[in-house]
Amino acid sequence: MPLIRKTAAPVVGPSAGDLDSASADARWAAARRLSSPEDVASLSTALERETEPRVREAIFTSLARIGGLQSARALAERIRSDEAALRTGAIDALRSMGPEREEMLAELLADPDSDVRLLACEIARQGQGERAGPLLCDLLLRETEPNVAAAAVEVLTEIGDSRALPALERCGERFAGEPFLSFAISIARDRIGVK
């Protein structure tokens, strides 16, 4: 009797549907495996309801790895969350992204919510001075909240160059009644001046 080779069944890995599983392990495996732009919507939806920290981390990592503006927007939406862990995860994931981070940064720095603008300054810290520096300077020229301006000044102290000096000067004039901000601007101007 001849031997008949059985064809092995194809191995099926986790799918987007597994993000709804009752098992945290299955959700984690699915989040780690999903890696195409078509998966962004499923990952974003799962992030809304996920409470397990390691599964959330896997979702954040996958969104950052997939990249693109759709992923960046999904992450940026989480910056508005009332939950600190979700905001922090979104910020860290955005900071690890490439050019799409800079595109989202421009939108976040112009957001009507001052808390979002403040957190966007933290994302700018990871950016390239060539792009992030001018965005922060633009923010300083129109910002009305001292705490947001202070966050922008702090980041400019690290990544800014001499092109930031006029914006720092004008910010200092507008917030002359805020001693802590005047002090931060003075430090920024000194450090940028010696770069």
Protein backbone atom coordinates (compact mmCIF):
# COMPACT_ATOMS: atom_id res chain seq x y z
CA MET A 1 0.00 0.00 0.00
CA PRO A 2 1.55 3.31 -1.03
CA LEU A 3 2.17 5.96 1.56
CA ILE A 4 0.11 9.06 1.10
CA ARG A 5 1.60 12.21 2.43
CA LYS A 6 -0.88 14.27 4.31
CA THR A 7 -0.79 17.97 3.66
CA ALA A 8 -0.30 19.82 6.90
CA ALA A 9 -3.04 22.25 7.76
CA PRO A 10 -1.86 25.83 7.52
CA VAL A 11 -0.92 27.36 10.83
CA VAL A 12 -3.32 30.12 11.64
CA GLY A 13 -1.99 32.80 13.95
CA PRO A 14 -3.86 35.29 16.05
CA SER A 15 -6.27 37.57 14.24
CA ALA A 16 -7.96 40.88 14.95
CA GLY A 17 -10.90 38.92 16.34
CA ASP A 18 -8.64 37.61 19.11
CA LEU A 19 -8.42 41.15 20.49
CA ASP A 20 -11.92 40.45 21.88
CA SER A 21 -10.89 37.20 23.58
CA ALA A 22 -11.57 36.66 27.27
CA SER A 23 -7.97 35.46 27.55
CA ALA A 24 -5.36 38.18 28.15
CA ASP A 25 -2.76 35.86 26.59
CA ALA A 26 -4.78 35.59 23.37
CA ARG A 27 -5.30 39.37 23.25
CA TRP A 28 -1.58 39.94 23.88
CA ALA A 29 -0.58 37.49 21.12
CA ALA A 30 -3.02 39.13 18.69
CA ALA A 31 -1.80 42.62 19.53
CA ARG A 32 1.82 41.58 18.95
CA ARG A 33 1.05 39.78 15.70
CA LEU A 34 -1.11 42.41 13.98
CA SER A 35 1.20 44.47 11.82
CA SER A 36 -0.48 45.93 8.76
CA PRO A 37 -2.19 49.28 8.19
CA GLU A 38 -5.50 47.40 7.88
CA ASP A 39 -5.12 46.39 11.55
CA VAL A 40 -4.95 49.95 12.91
CA ALA A 41 -8.71 50.33 13.37
CA SER A 42 -8.98 47.03 15.27
CA LEU A 43 -6.00 47.88 17.46
CA SER A 44 -7.37 51.34 18.17
CA THR A 45 -10.78 49.98 19.12
CA ALA A 46 -9.18 47.35 21.37
CA LEU A 47 -7.15 50.05 23.10
CA GLU A 48 -10.37 51.79 24.15
CA ARG A 49 -11.50 48.86 26.26
CA GLU A 50 -8.24 47.09 27.18
CA THR A 51 -7.33 47.18 30.87
CA GLU A 52 -4.48 44.64 31.01
CA PRO A 53 -1.20 46.64 31.05
CA ARG A 54 0.88 44.17 29.01
CA VAL A 55 -1.81 43.90 26.34
CA ARG A 56 -2.03 47.69 26.17
CA GLU A 57 1.72 47.88 25.81
CA ALA A 58 1.60 45.37 22.95
CA ILE A 59 -1.10 47.42 21.22
CA PHE A 60 0.91 50.63 21.60
CA THR A 61 4.00 48.88 20.23
CA SER A 62 2.11 47.51 17.23
CA LEU A 63 0.58 50.88 16.39
CA ALA A 64 3.99 52.55 16.55
CA ARG A 65 5.55 49.76 14.46
CA ILE A 66 2.83 49.95 11.80
CA GLY A 67 3.38 53.70 11.63
CA GLY A 68 1.61 56.05 9.27
CA LEU A 69 -0.72 58.91 9.98
CA GLN A 70 -3.66 56.66 10.84
CA SER A 71 -1.66 55.04 13.66
CA ALA A 72 -0.40 58.41 14.83
CA ARG A 73 -3.97 59.73 14.98
CA ALA A 74 -5.13 56.69 16.93
CA LEU A 75 -2.37 57.28 19.45
CA ALA A 76 -2.92 61.03 19.61
CA GLU A 77 -6.57 60.50 20.55
CA ARG A 78 -5.43 58.68 23.71
CA ILE A 79 -3.59 61.80 24.88
CA ARG A 80 -7.03 63.18 25.79
CA SER A 81 -7.72 60.26 28.12
CA ASP A 82 -8.42 60.88 31.80
CA GLU A 83 -6.29 57.83 32.57
CA ALA A 84 -2.62 58.66 33.12
CA ALA A 85 -1.32 55.24 32.01
CA LEU A 86 -3.14 55.52 28.69
CA ARG A 87 -1.82 59.06 28.09
CA THR A 88 1.73 58.00 28.94
CA GLY A 89 1.59 54.94 26.68
CA ALA A 90 0.30 57.04 23.79
CA ILE A 91 3.01 59.68 24.29
CA ASP A 92 5.77 57.06 24.43
CA ALA A 93 4.47 55.34 21.30
CA LEU A 94 4.23 58.63 19.40
CA ARG A 95 7.74 59.59 20.49
CA SER A 96 9.06 56.36 18.95
CA MET A 97 7.50 57.03 15.54
CA GLY A 98 9.09 58.67 12.51
CA PRO A 99 7.91 61.54 10.29
CA GLU A 100 4.24 61.03 11.13
CA ARG A 101 5.09 62.06 14.70
CA GLU A 102 6.10 65.50 13.43
CA GLU A 103 2.87 65.84 11.46
CA MET A 104 0.76 64.96 14.50
CA LEU A 105 2.90 67.25 16.64
CA ALA A 106 1.82 70.28 14.62
CA GLU A 107 -1.83 69.40 15.19
CA LEU A 108 -1.38 68.65 18.89
CA LEU A 109 0.47 71.90 19.56
CA ALA A 110 -2.46 73.77 17.99
CA ASP A 111 -5.11 71.86 19.95
CA PRO A 112 -7.68 74.00 21.80
CA ASP A 113 -7.11 71.96 24.99
CA SER A 114 -4.14 73.35 26.94
CA ASP A 115 -3.49 69.94 28.56
CA VAL A 116 -3.03 68.40 25.10
CA ARG A 117 -0.66 71.22 24.11
CA LEU A 118 1.31 70.69 27.30
CA LEU A 119 1.68 66.95 26.64
CA ALA A 120 2.56 67.64 23.00
CA CYS A 121 5.62 69.53 24.21
CA GLU A 122 6.83 66.26 25.70
CA ILE A 123 6.45 64.57 22.32
CA ALA A 124 8.47 67.41 20.75
CA ARG A 125 11.34 66.59 23.11
CA GLN A 126 12.02 63.48 21.02
CA GLY A 127 11.72 65.34 17.74
CA GLN A 128 14.40 66.78 15.54
CA GLY A 129 15.23 70.41 16.27
CA GLU A 130 14.85 71.24 12.56
CA ARG A 131 11.12 70.53 12.66
CA ALA A 132 10.11 70.50 16.33
CA GLY A 133 11.98 73.70 17.20
CA PRO A 134 10.03 75.95 14.80
CA LEU A 135 6.75 74.33 15.89
CA LEU A 136 7.53 75.15 19.52
CA CYS A 137 8.51 78.70 18.56
CA ASP A 138 5.16 79.14 16.81
CA LEU A 139 3.46 77.87 19.95
CA LEU A 140 5.32 80.40 22.11
CA LEU A 141 4.16 83.26 19.91
CA ARG A 142 0.48 82.48 20.48
CA GLU A 143 0.32 80.55 23.77
CA THR A 144 -1.84 82.02 26.54
CA GLU A 145 -1.21 79.45 29.28
CA PRO A 146 2.00 79.98 31.30
CA ASN A 147 2.41 76.26 32.07
CA VAL A 148 2.26 75.32 28.39
CA ALA A 149 4.72 78.08 27.51
CA ALA A 150 7.04 76.84 30.28
CA ALA A 151 6.91 73.29 28.89
CA ALA A 152 7.78 74.58 25.41
CA VAL A 153 10.65 76.68 26.80
CA GLU A 154 12.02 73.65 28.66
CA VAL A 155 12.09 71.56 25.49
CA LEU A 156 13.57 74.40 23.44
CA THR A 157 16.36 74.60 26.02
CA GLU A 158 17.30 71.07 24.92
CA ILE A 159 16.62 71.06 21.18
CA GLY A 160 16.44 74.72 20.16
CA ASP A 161 18.99 76.79 18.31
CA SER A 162 19.52 80.51 17.76
CA ARG A 163 16.35 80.71 15.65
CA ALA A 164 14.38 80.21 18.88
CA LEU A 165 15.78 83.34 20.53
CA PRO A 166 13.24 85.85 19.07
CA ALA A 167 10.29 83.67 20.11
CA LEU A 168 11.74 83.29 23.60
CA GLU A 169 12.20 87.05 23.81
CA ARG A 170 8.59 87.77 22.81
CA CYS A 171 7.28 85.09 25.14
CA GLY A 172 9.23 86.67 27.99
CA GLU A 173 7.65 90.06 27.23
CA ARG A 174 4.13 88.61 27.17
CA PHE A 175 4.60 86.69 30.42
CA ALA A 176 6.68 89.29 32.25
CA GLY A 177 4.51 88.84 35.35
CA GLU A 178 5.40 85.12 35.65
CA PRO A 179 8.75 84.90 37.50
CA PHE A 180 9.18 81.15 37.00
CA LEU A 181 8.72 81.53 33.25
CA SER A 182 11.06 84.50 33.05
CA PHE A 183 13.69 82.43 34.85
CA ALA A 184 13.17 79.45 32.48
CA ILE A 185 13.46 81.74 29.45
CA SER A 186 16.66 83.23 30.82
CA ILE A 187 18.19 79.76 31.20
CA ALA A 188 17.02 78.75 27.71
CA ARG A 189 18.53 81.86 26.13
CA ASP A 190 21.85 81.29 27.91
CA ARG A 191 22.06 77.63 26.89
CA ILE A 192 20.97 78.20 23.31
CA GLY A 193 23.41 81.09 23.01
CA VAL A 194 26.40 78.81 23.70
CA LYS A 195 25.36 75.93 21.42
